Amino acid sequence: MGNRCARTSCCRKLWSCICCCGNNNNKAQTRSQHGSKGKVHPVSRIEKWEEKFTEANNNGKILVVNFSAPWCVPCKKIEPVFRELASRYPSMIFVTVDVEELAEFSNEWNVEATPTVVFLKDGRQMDKLVGAETSELQKKTAAAADLFLKKP
């Protein structure tokens, strides 16, 4: 078996995962429990999405959306960072959307790979990150928070 691609079970999926196939050191990873720690809200129903989307818009908050999949190893890599950012920036709303649970919805947001993190302000996309670059996620989140603080 050796260094089998972590995507083996997902290659038939609609989305690809941004995967480092040769770096499969943690083979015993289990299904992620998005939102179990920190202030990340799991979204598996459209009603929950509408609730968080409306909450962000009504309160002038930035909505940070992590489109991920339970089989995606890079998604698991950024999950603790995403939770930590949610705790660090309480003025923003952080949600995780399972692309399998909300496939059609994820397609509407042009999610072609996981993880994809989208930053929304007033219902519009202000930034996007595709892949599990944790330092880039931290930079983009800090930049969005700075923008939020500079609002009139």
N, C-alpha and C. Protein backbone atom coordinates (compact mmCIF):
# COMPACT_ATOMS: atom_id res chain seq x y z
N MET A 1 0.82 -1.19 0.00
CA MET A 1 0.00 0.00 0.00
C MET A 1 0.86 1.25 0.00
N GLY A 2 1.84 1.36 0.85
CA GLY A 2 2.78 2.47 0.82
C GLY A 2 2.11 3.82 0.86
N ASN A 3 2.49 4.71 -0.06
CA ASN A 3 1.97 6.07 -0.11
C ASN A 3 0.79 6.17 -1.07
N ARG A 4 -0.29 5.49 -0.76
CA ARG A 4 -1.49 5.61 -1.59
C ARG A 4 -2.07 6.99 -1.44
N CYS A 5 -2.62 7.48 -2.49
CA CYS A 5 -3.24 8.81 -2.47
C CYS A 5 -4.41 8.84 -1.51
N ALA A 6 -4.45 9.87 -0.69
CA ALA A 6 -5.55 10.02 0.26
C ALA A 6 -6.87 10.24 -0.46
N ARG A 7 -6.81 10.57 -1.76
CA ARG A 7 -8.02 10.83 -2.53
C ARG A 7 -8.61 9.58 -3.15
N THR A 8 -8.01 8.43 -2.94
CA THR A 8 -8.47 7.22 -3.61
C THR A 8 -9.97 7.03 -3.52
N SER A 9 -10.53 7.24 -2.33
CA SER A 9 -11.97 7.04 -2.18
C SER A 9 -12.79 8.20 -2.72
N CYS A 10 -12.13 9.32 -3.03
CA CYS A 10 -12.91 10.48 -3.46
C CYS A 10 -12.75 10.78 -4.95
N CYS A 11 -11.99 10.01 -5.65
CA CYS A 11 -11.72 10.34 -7.05
C CYS A 11 -12.99 10.32 -7.91
N ARG A 12 -14.01 9.62 -7.44
CA ARG A 12 -15.27 9.60 -8.18
C ARG A 12 -16.19 10.73 -7.75
N LYS A 13 -15.77 11.53 -6.77
CA LYS A 13 -16.59 12.63 -6.27
C LYS A 13 -16.61 13.77 -7.28
N LEU A 14 -17.59 14.65 -7.13
CA LEU A 14 -17.71 15.81 -7.98
C LEU A 14 -16.57 16.80 -7.73
N TRP A 15 -16.14 16.89 -6.47
CA TRP A 15 -15.08 17.83 -6.12
C TRP A 15 -13.77 17.09 -5.99
N SER A 16 -12.71 17.82 -6.22
CA SER A 16 -11.40 17.26 -5.95
C SER A 16 -10.92 17.89 -4.65
N CYS A 17 -10.03 17.19 -4.00
CA CYS A 17 -9.48 17.77 -2.79
C CYS A 17 -8.06 18.20 -3.13
N ILE A 18 -7.66 19.36 -2.62
CA ILE A 18 -6.32 19.86 -2.86
C ILE A 18 -5.41 19.03 -1.96
N CYS A 19 -4.79 18.04 -2.55
CA CYS A 19 -4.17 16.98 -1.79
C CYS A 19 -2.68 16.88 -2.08
N CYS A 20 -1.93 16.61 -1.04
CA CYS A 20 -0.51 16.31 -1.23
C CYS A 20 -0.39 14.79 -1.14
N CYS A 21 -0.57 14.12 -2.25
CA CYS A 21 -0.74 12.67 -2.28
C CYS A 21 0.44 11.91 -1.69
N GLY A 22 1.64 12.43 -1.81
CA GLY A 22 2.80 11.74 -1.28
C GLY A 22 2.95 11.88 0.22
N ASN A 23 2.19 12.76 0.86
CA ASN A 23 2.34 13.01 2.28
C ASN A 23 1.15 12.43 3.02
N ASN A 24 1.10 11.15 3.12
CA ASN A 24 -0.03 10.45 3.72
C ASN A 24 0.39 9.85 5.06
N ASN A 25 0.90 10.69 5.96
CA ASN A 25 1.43 10.21 7.23
C ASN A 25 0.36 9.81 8.23
N ASN A 26 -0.80 10.44 8.20
CA ASN A 26 -1.83 10.16 9.18
C ASN A 26 -2.97 9.38 8.53
N LYS A 27 -2.81 8.07 8.43
CA LYS A 27 -3.79 7.24 7.73
C LYS A 27 -5.02 6.95 8.57
N ALA A 28 -4.93 7.20 9.87
CA ALA A 28 -6.04 6.84 10.76
C ALA A 28 -6.96 8.01 11.03
N GLN A 29 -6.99 8.99 10.15
CA GLN A 29 -7.86 10.13 10.38
C GLN A 29 -9.31 9.70 10.25
N THR A 30 -10.14 10.26 11.12
CA THR A 30 -11.56 9.91 11.12
C THR A 30 -12.37 11.08 10.64
N ARG A 31 -13.66 10.84 10.47
CA ARG A 31 -14.56 11.89 10.00
C ARG A 31 -14.48 13.09 10.94
N SER A 32 -14.32 14.23 10.37
CA SER A 32 -14.17 15.48 11.11
C SER A 32 -15.49 15.89 11.72
N GLN A 33 -15.41 16.49 12.90
CA GLN A 33 -16.61 16.98 13.56
C GLN A 33 -16.59 18.50 13.49
N HIS A 34 -16.93 19.06 12.33
CA HIS A 34 -16.90 20.50 12.13
C HIS A 34 -17.79 21.19 13.16
N GLY A 35 -17.23 22.24 13.75
CA GLY A 35 -18.01 23.03 14.66
C GLY A 35 -18.07 22.48 16.07
N SER A 36 -17.35 21.38 16.36
CA SER A 36 -17.42 20.82 17.69
C SER A 36 -16.66 21.67 18.70
N LYS A 37 -15.70 22.48 18.26
CA LYS A 37 -14.93 23.35 19.14
C LYS A 37 -14.87 24.73 18.51
N GLY A 38 -14.61 25.72 19.34
CA GLY A 38 -14.54 27.07 18.81
C GLY A 38 -15.92 27.58 18.46
N LYS A 39 -15.96 28.58 17.62
CA LYS A 39 -17.23 29.21 17.26
C LYS A 39 -17.51 29.00 15.77
N VAL A 40 -17.34 27.79 15.30
CA VAL A 40 -17.62 27.45 13.92
C VAL A 40 -18.99 26.77 13.88
N HIS A 41 -19.85 27.27 13.01
CA HIS A 41 -21.20 26.73 12.91
C HIS A 41 -21.27 25.76 11.73
N PRO A 42 -21.58 24.49 11.98
CA PRO A 42 -21.73 23.55 10.87
C PRO A 42 -23.02 23.82 10.11
N VAL A 43 -22.92 23.78 8.79
CA VAL A 43 -24.09 24.01 7.94
C VAL A 43 -24.31 22.77 7.08
N SER A 44 -25.40 22.07 7.36
CA SER A 44 -25.73 20.88 6.56
C SER A 44 -27.13 20.98 6.00
N ARG A 45 -27.81 22.12 6.30
CA ARG A 45 -29.15 22.36 5.76
C ARG A 45 -29.21 23.81 5.27
N ILE A 46 -29.96 24.03 4.23
CA ILE A 46 -30.11 25.38 3.66
C ILE A 46 -30.68 26.34 4.71
N GLU A 47 -31.57 25.85 5.56
CA GLU A 47 -32.16 26.72 6.59
C GLU A 47 -31.09 27.28 7.51
N LYS A 48 -30.11 26.47 7.87
CA LYS A 48 -29.01 26.92 8.73
C LYS A 48 -28.15 27.95 8.00
N TRP A 49 -27.91 27.72 6.70
CA TRP A 49 -27.17 28.68 5.89
C TRP A 49 -27.90 30.03 5.88
N GLU A 50 -29.18 29.99 5.59
CA GLU A 50 -29.96 31.22 5.52
C GLU A 50 -29.94 31.97 6.85
N GLU A 51 -29.98 31.23 7.95
CA GLU A 51 -29.92 31.84 9.27
C GLU A 51 -28.60 32.59 9.47
N LYS A 52 -27.48 31.95 9.18
CA LYS A 52 -26.16 32.55 9.39
C LYS A 52 -25.90 33.67 8.38
N PHE A 53 -26.34 33.48 7.14
CA PHE A 53 -26.18 34.49 6.10
C PHE A 53 -26.94 35.75 6.49
N THR A 54 -28.18 35.59 6.94
CA THR A 54 -29.00 36.72 7.36
C THR A 54 -28.41 37.39 8.60
N GLU A 55 -27.95 36.60 9.54
CA GLU A 55 -27.33 37.14 10.76
C GLU A 55 -26.13 38.02 10.41
N ALA A 56 -25.28 37.54 9.52
CA ALA A 56 -24.11 38.31 9.10
C ALA A 56 -24.53 39.61 8.42
N ASN A 57 -25.45 39.51 7.48
CA ASN A 57 -25.89 40.69 6.73
C ASN A 57 -26.59 41.71 7.61
N ASN A 58 -27.46 41.24 8.49
CA ASN A 58 -28.21 42.16 9.36
C ASN A 58 -27.32 42.88 10.36
N ASN A 59 -26.21 42.25 10.73
CA ASN A 59 -25.32 42.83 11.73
C ASN A 59 -24.06 43.41 11.13
N GLY A 60 -23.98 43.46 9.79
CA GLY A 60 -22.80 44.02 9.13
C GLY A 60 -21.54 43.23 9.36
N LYS A 61 -21.68 41.94 9.61
CA LYS A 61 -20.52 41.09 9.89
C LYS A 61 -20.02 40.40 8.63
N ILE A 62 -18.77 40.00 8.69
CA ILE A 62 -18.17 39.21 7.61
C ILE A 62 -18.47 37.75 7.89
N LEU A 63 -18.90 37.04 6.86
CA LEU A 63 -19.19 35.62 6.96
C LEU A 63 -18.04 34.86 6.29
N VAL A 64 -17.41 33.98 7.04
CA VAL A 64 -16.29 33.18 6.53
C VAL A 64 -16.80 31.76 6.37
N VAL A 65 -16.81 31.27 5.13
CA VAL A 65 -17.42 29.99 4.79
C VAL A 65 -16.35 29.00 4.34
N ASN A 66 -16.24 27.91 5.06
CA ASN A 66 -15.29 26.85 4.74
C ASN A 66 -16.06 25.71 4.07
N PHE A 67 -15.90 25.57 2.76
CA PHE A 67 -16.51 24.45 2.04
C PHE A 67 -15.54 23.27 2.14
N SER A 68 -16.00 22.20 2.76
CA SER A 68 -15.11 21.06 2.98
C SER A 68 -15.86 19.75 2.83
N ALA A 69 -15.11 18.67 2.94
CA ALA A 69 -15.70 17.33 2.84
C ALA A 69 -15.05 16.44 3.89
N PRO A 70 -15.80 15.50 4.43
CA PRO A 70 -15.27 14.65 5.50
C PRO A 70 -14.11 13.75 5.05
N TRP A 71 -14.01 13.46 3.75
CA TRP A 71 -12.95 12.58 3.25
C TRP A 71 -11.71 13.37 2.82
N CYS A 72 -11.74 14.66 2.94
CA CYS A 72 -10.67 15.52 2.43
C CYS A 72 -9.60 15.75 3.50
N VAL A 73 -8.41 15.18 3.28
CA VAL A 73 -7.31 15.31 4.23
C VAL A 73 -6.88 16.77 4.40
N PRO A 74 -6.72 17.56 3.33
CA PRO A 74 -6.36 18.97 3.53
C PRO A 74 -7.41 19.75 4.32
N CYS A 75 -8.68 19.37 4.19
CA CYS A 75 -9.73 20.03 4.98
C CYS A 75 -9.48 19.80 6.46
N LYS A 76 -9.05 18.60 6.79
CA LYS A 76 -8.76 18.27 8.18
C LYS A 76 -7.53 19.04 8.66
N LYS A 77 -6.63 19.34 7.74
CA LYS A 77 -5.42 20.09 8.09
C LYS A 77 -5.77 21.51 8.51
N ILE A 78 -6.69 22.16 7.81
CA ILE A 78 -7.00 23.55 8.14
C ILE A 78 -8.08 23.69 9.20
N GLU A 79 -8.79 22.62 9.50
CA GLU A 79 -9.89 22.71 10.45
C GLU A 79 -9.49 23.30 11.80
N PRO A 80 -8.39 22.86 12.44
CA PRO A 80 -8.04 23.47 13.73
C PRO A 80 -7.67 24.95 13.60
N VAL A 81 -7.07 25.32 12.50
CA VAL A 81 -6.73 26.73 12.27
C VAL A 81 -8.00 27.53 12.08
N PHE A 82 -8.95 27.00 11.34
CA PHE A 82 -10.24 27.67 11.11
C PHE A 82 -10.95 27.88 12.45
N ARG A 83 -10.95 26.86 13.32
CA ARG A 83 -11.58 26.98 14.64
C ARG A 83 -10.87 28.04 15.48
N GLU A 84 -9.55 28.06 15.41
CA GLU A 84 -8.78 29.03 16.19
C GLU A 84 -9.07 30.45 15.71
N LEU A 85 -9.18 30.63 14.40
CA LEU A 85 -9.51 31.94 13.84
C LEU A 85 -10.91 32.38 14.28
N ALA A 86 -11.83 31.43 14.33
CA ALA A 86 -13.19 31.75 14.77
C ALA A 86 -13.18 32.25 16.21
N SER A 87 -12.34 31.68 17.03
CA SER A 87 -12.22 32.13 18.42
C SER A 87 -11.52 33.49 18.51
N ARG A 88 -10.55 33.72 17.64
CA ARG A 88 -9.78 34.96 17.65
C ARG A 88 -10.57 36.15 17.10
N TYR A 89 -11.50 35.90 16.16
CA TYR A 89 -12.26 36.98 15.52
C TYR A 89 -13.76 36.81 15.77
N PRO A 90 -14.21 37.11 16.99
CA PRO A 90 -15.63 36.93 17.29
C PRO A 90 -16.54 37.91 16.55
N SER A 91 -15.97 38.94 15.94
CA SER A 91 -16.79 39.89 15.18
C SER A 91 -17.16 39.35 13.80
N MET A 92 -16.63 38.18 13.45
CA MET A 92 -16.94 37.54 12.18
C MET A 92 -17.71 36.26 12.47
N ILE A 93 -18.47 35.78 11.50
CA ILE A 93 -19.22 34.54 11.65
C ILE A 93 -18.54 33.48 10.79
N PHE A 94 -18.17 32.37 11.41
CA PHE A 94 -17.49 31.27 10.73
C PHE A 94 -18.43 30.09 10.60
N VAL A 95 -18.56 29.57 9.38
CA VAL A 95 -19.39 28.39 9.14
C VAL A 95 -18.61 27.40 8.28
N THR A 96 -18.96 26.14 8.43
CA THR A 96 -18.41 25.08 7.59
C THR A 96 -19.55 24.42 6.85
N VAL A 97 -19.43 24.36 5.53
CA VAL A 97 -20.44 23.73 4.68
C VAL A 97 -19.88 22.41 4.17
N ASP A 98 -20.59 21.34 4.42
CA ASP A 98 -20.22 20.03 3.91
C ASP A 98 -20.68 19.94 2.45
N VAL A 99 -19.72 19.84 1.53
CA VAL A 99 -20.06 19.86 0.11
C VAL A 99 -20.87 18.65 -0.33
N GLU A 100 -20.82 17.59 0.44
CA GLU A 100 -21.63 16.42 0.09
C GLU A 100 -23.08 16.61 0.55
N GLU A 101 -23.25 17.19 1.73
CA GLU A 101 -24.58 17.43 2.25
C GLU A 101 -25.32 18.49 1.43
N LEU A 102 -24.58 19.50 0.99
CA LEU A 102 -25.16 20.61 0.22
C LEU A 102 -24.46 20.73 -1.13
N ALA A 103 -24.55 19.68 -1.91
CA ALA A 103 -23.84 19.62 -3.20
C ALA A 103 -24.30 20.70 -4.17
N GLU A 104 -25.58 20.83 -4.36
CA GLU A 104 -26.09 21.82 -5.32
C GLU A 104 -25.73 23.24 -4.86
N PHE A 105 -25.87 23.49 -3.57
CA PHE A 105 -25.53 24.79 -3.01
C PHE A 105 -24.04 25.10 -3.22
N SER A 106 -23.18 24.12 -2.98
CA SER A 106 -21.73 24.30 -3.17
C SER A 106 -21.42 24.60 -4.63
N ASN A 107 -22.12 23.96 -5.52
CA ASN A 107 -21.93 24.24 -6.96
C ASN A 107 -22.32 25.67 -7.30
N GLU A 108 -23.37 26.18 -6.65
CA GLU A 108 -23.80 27.56 -6.89
C GLU A 108 -22.71 28.56 -6.50
N TRP A 109 -21.88 28.19 -5.53
CA TRP A 109 -20.77 29.05 -5.10
C TRP A 109 -19.48 28.72 -5.84
N ASN A 110 -19.58 27.95 -6.91
CA ASN A 110 -18.43 27.59 -7.76
C ASN A 110 -17.31 26.90 -7.00
N VAL A 111 -17.68 26.04 -6.09
CA VAL A 111 -16.70 25.26 -5.34
C VAL A 111 -16.34 24.05 -6.18
N GLU A 112 -15.10 24.02 -6.64
CA GLU A 112 -14.63 22.92 -7.48
C GLU A 112 -13.61 22.06 -6.78
N ALA A 113 -13.08 22.53 -5.66
CA ALA A 113 -12.08 21.79 -4.90
C ALA A 113 -12.27 22.08 -3.42
N THR A 114 -11.86 21.13 -2.61
CA THR A 114 -11.93 21.33 -1.16
C THR A 114 -10.52 21.28 -0.60
N PRO A 115 -10.24 22.08 0.39
CA PRO A 115 -11.10 23.09 0.98
C PRO A 115 -11.14 24.37 0.14
N THR A 116 -12.26 25.04 0.19
CA THR A 116 -12.42 26.38 -0.39
C THR A 116 -13.02 27.25 0.71
N VAL A 117 -12.36 28.36 0.99
CA VAL A 117 -12.85 29.30 2.01
C VAL A 117 -13.24 30.58 1.30
N VAL A 118 -14.47 31.01 1.53
CA VAL A 118 -15.00 32.22 0.90
C VAL A 118 -15.32 33.24 1.99
N PHE A 119 -14.94 34.48 1.74
CA PHE A 119 -15.21 35.58 2.66
C PHE A 119 -16.31 36.44 2.04
N LEU A 120 -17.40 36.64 2.79
CA LEU A 120 -18.55 37.40 2.29
C LEU A 120 -18.80 38.62 3.17
N LYS A 121 -19.09 39.72 2.52
CA LYS A 121 -19.48 40.94 3.20
C LYS A 121 -20.70 41.48 2.48
N ASP A 122 -21.76 41.74 3.23
CA ASP A 122 -23.02 42.22 2.65
C ASP A 122 -23.52 41.29 1.55
N GLY A 123 -23.33 40.00 1.74
CA GLY A 123 -23.81 39.00 0.81
C GLY A 123 -22.97 38.81 -0.43
N ARG A 124 -21.86 39.55 -0.54
CA ARG A 124 -21.01 39.46 -1.73
C ARG A 124 -19.64 38.91 -1.38
N GLN A 125 -19.10 38.14 -2.30
CA GLN A 125 -17.77 37.57 -2.09
C GLN A 125 -16.72 38.68 -2.14
N MET A 126 -15.90 38.76 -1.09
CA MET A 126 -14.83 39.74 -1.05
C MET A 126 -13.46 39.10 -1.21
N ASP A 127 -13.37 37.79 -0.95
CA ASP A 127 -12.10 37.08 -1.11
C ASP A 127 -12.39 35.59 -1.13
N LYS A 128 -11.39 34.83 -1.58
CA LYS A 128 -11.56 33.38 -1.70
C LYS A 128 -10.19 32.73 -1.61
N LEU A 129 -10.14 31.58 -0.95
CA LEU A 129 -8.91 30.79 -0.85
C LEU A 129 -9.25 29.35 -1.19
N VAL A 130 -8.52 28.79 -2.14
CA VAL A 130 -8.69 27.39 -2.49
C VAL A 130 -7.43 26.66 -2.07
N GLY A 131 -7.59 25.64 -1.23
CA GLY A 131 -6.44 24.88 -0.75
C GLY A 131 -6.25 25.06 0.74
N ALA A 132 -5.32 24.30 1.28
CA ALA A 132 -5.11 24.25 2.73
C ALA A 132 -3.88 25.03 3.17
N GLU A 133 -3.67 26.19 2.58
CA GLU A 133 -2.55 27.04 2.98
C GLU A 133 -2.93 27.79 4.25
N THR A 134 -2.54 27.26 5.40
CA THR A 134 -2.97 27.83 6.67
C THR A 134 -2.46 29.26 6.86
N SER A 135 -1.24 29.55 6.44
CA SER A 135 -0.72 30.91 6.61
C SER A 135 -1.51 31.90 5.75
N GLU A 136 -1.90 31.47 4.55
CA GLU A 136 -2.70 32.34 3.68
C GLU A 136 -4.10 32.54 4.26
N LEU A 137 -4.66 31.49 4.86
CA LEU A 137 -5.96 31.61 5.51
C LEU A 137 -5.88 32.62 6.65
N GLN A 138 -4.82 32.56 7.42
CA GLN A 138 -4.64 33.50 8.53
C GLN A 138 -4.50 34.93 8.00
N LYS A 139 -3.74 35.12 6.93
CA LYS A 139 -3.55 36.46 6.34
C LYS A 139 -4.86 37.02 5.81
N LYS A 140 -5.60 36.20 5.07
CA LYS A 140 -6.86 36.67 4.49
C LYS A 140 -7.90 36.98 5.56
N THR A 141 -7.91 36.18 6.63
CA THR A 141 -8.85 36.43 7.72
C THR A 141 -8.49 37.73 8.45
N ALA A 142 -7.21 37.94 8.69
CA ALA A 142 -6.76 39.18 9.34
C ALA A 142 -7.10 40.39 8.47
N ALA A 143 -6.90 40.27 7.16
CA ALA A 143 -7.21 41.36 6.24
C ALA A 143 -8.71 41.66 6.25
N ALA A 144 -9.54 40.61 6.29
CA ALA A 144 -10.99 40.82 6.33
C ALA A 144 -11.39 41.48 7.66
N ALA A 145 -10.75 41.08 8.75
CA ALA A 145 -11.04 41.69 10.04
C ALA A 145 -10.64 43.15 10.05
N ASP A 146 -9.50 43.48 9.45
CA ASP A 146 -9.06 44.88 9.34
C ASP A 146 -10.08 45.69 8.57
N LEU A 147 -10.59 45.14 7.48
CA LEU A 147 -11.59 45.81 6.68
C LEU A 147 -12.85 46.07 7.52
N PHE A 148 -13.23 45.08 8.31
CA PHE A 148 -14.41 45.21 9.16
C PHE A 148 -14.22 46.35 10.17
N LEU A 149 -13.02 46.45 10.73
CA LEU A 149 -12.76 47.48 11.74
C LEU A 149 -12.74 48.89 11.13
N LYS A 150 -12.42 48.98 9.83
CA LYS A 150 -12.33 50.28 9.16
C LYS A 150 -13.67 50.77 8.61
N LYS A 151 -14.73 49.98 8.80
CA LYS A 151 -16.03 50.37 8.23
C LYS A 151 -16.49 51.70 8.86
N PRO A 152 -17.24 52.51 8.10
CA PRO A 152 -17.68 53.82 8.62
C PRO A 152 -18.66 53.71 9.76
